[in-house]
Structures are given as C-alpha cells and as structure tokens.
C-alpha cells in the first residue's frame, strides 16, 4: 500500500493561505463564473475569470 503524505509535509504557506486567502471577493470586470460543490464532503469552489 503506498504511503500517503503526512500533515508535516504540507508547507506552512498553504495553511496561511487557507486561513487568509488573498484576492477574495468579486472580480471586477467579471466575464464568467463557475461554482462546484462536492456533496460527499461539502467542499465548494467558486472561480471568476475576466
């Protein structure tokens, strides 16, 4: 069985971004928006592009 990565191998910068994401909010000049939700775990991702 392959080894899975441990929490210790995750860079601190990733945790910083999760706690305080940058560029959060509405994208000015928005052209397209997409939203996906995973019903199994409740994760939700929304992306806006211009």
C-alpha atoms as a PDB file:
ATOM      1  CA  UNK A   1       0.000   0.000   0.000  1.00  0.00           C
ATOM      2  CA  UNK A   2       1.504   3.410  -0.976  1.00  0.00           C
ATOM      3  CA  UNK A   3       2.440   5.875   1.729  1.00  0.00           C
ATOM      4  CA  UNK A   4       0.202   8.921   1.976  1.00  0.00           C
ATOM      5  CA  UNK A   5       1.695  12.347   2.718  1.00  0.00           C
ATOM      6  CA  UNK A   6       1.659  13.399   6.343  1.00  0.00           C
ATOM      7  CA  UNK A   7       0.403  16.748   7.637  1.00  0.00           C
ATOM      8  CA  UNK A   8       4.030  17.577   8.469  1.00  0.00           C
ATOM      9  CA  UNK A   9       4.917  17.590   4.765  1.00  0.00           C
ATOM     10  CA  UNK A  10       2.416  20.391   3.967  1.00  0.00           C
ATOM     11  CA  UNK A  11       4.117  23.801   3.655  1.00  0.00           C
ATOM     12  CA  UNK A  12       3.153  26.471   6.204  1.00  0.00           C
ATOM     13  CA  UNK A  13       2.341  28.846   3.329  1.00  0.00           C
ATOM     14  CA  UNK A  14      -0.586  26.615   2.344  1.00  0.00           C
ATOM     15  CA  UNK A  15      -2.077  26.840   5.829  1.00  0.00           C
ATOM     16  CA  UNK A  16      -1.575  30.628   5.801  1.00  0.00           C
ATOM     17  CA  UNK A  17      -3.491  30.864   2.528  1.00  0.00           C
ATOM     18  CA  UNK A  18      -6.330  28.666   3.810  1.00  0.00           C
ATOM     19  CA  UNK A  19      -6.727  30.847   6.905  1.00  0.00           C
ATOM     20  CA  UNK A  20      -6.468  34.151   4.995  1.00  0.00           C
ATOM     21  CA  UNK A  21      -6.891  33.771   1.211  1.00  0.00           C
ATOM     22  CA  UNK A  22      -5.752  36.669  -0.972  1.00  0.00           C
ATOM     23  CA  UNK A  23      -7.818  38.219  -3.747  1.00  0.00           C
ATOM     24  CA  UNK A  24     -11.035  37.093  -2.146  1.00  0.00           C
ATOM     25  CA  UNK A  25     -14.253  38.757  -3.275  1.00  0.00           C
ATOM     26  CA  UNK A  26     -15.914  39.721  -6.535  1.00  0.00           C
ATOM     27  CA  UNK A  27     -13.694  40.006  -9.616  1.00  0.00           C
ATOM     28  CA  UNK A  28     -14.055  43.438 -11.273  1.00  0.00           C
ATOM     29  CA  UNK A  29     -14.826  43.105 -14.989  1.00  0.00           C
ATOM     30  CA  UNK A  30     -16.119  39.560 -14.465  1.00  0.00           C
ATOM     31  CA  UNK A  31     -16.742  37.608 -17.702  1.00  0.00           C
ATOM     32  CA  UNK A  32     -17.533  34.131 -16.405  1.00  0.00           C
ATOM     33  CA  UNK A  33     -18.209  32.484 -13.051  1.00  0.00           C
ATOM     34  CA  UNK A  34     -18.167  28.802 -12.159  1.00  0.00           C
ATOM     35  CA  UNK A  35     -19.160  27.050  -8.948  1.00  0.00           C
ATOM     36  CA  UNK A  36     -18.724  23.405  -7.993  1.00  0.00           C
ATOM     37  CA  UNK A  37     -19.816  21.676  -4.800  1.00  0.00           C
ATOM     38  CA  UNK A  38     -18.822  18.211  -3.640  1.00  0.00           C
ATOM     39  CA  UNK A  39     -21.878  16.738  -1.875  1.00  0.00           C
ATOM     40  CA  UNK A  40     -19.800  13.988  -0.250  1.00  0.00           C
ATOM     41  CA  UNK A  41     -17.586  16.278   1.817  1.00  0.00           C
ATOM     42  CA  UNK A  42     -19.227  19.697   1.439  1.00  0.00           C
ATOM     43  CA  UNK A  43     -16.261  21.357  -0.273  1.00  0.00           C
ATOM     44  CA  UNK A  44     -17.268  24.246  -2.509  1.00  0.00           C
ATOM     45  CA  UNK A  45     -15.129  26.061  -5.077  1.00  0.00           C
ATOM     46  CA  UNK A  46     -16.089  29.214  -6.945  1.00  0.00           C
ATOM     47  CA  UNK A  47     -13.908  30.795  -9.625  1.00  0.00           C
ATOM     48  CA  UNK A  48     -14.388  34.046 -11.526  1.00  0.00           C
ATOM     49  CA  UNK A  49     -12.470  34.966 -14.682  1.00  0.00           C
ATOM     50  CA  UNK A  50     -12.065  38.095 -16.745  1.00  0.00           C
END
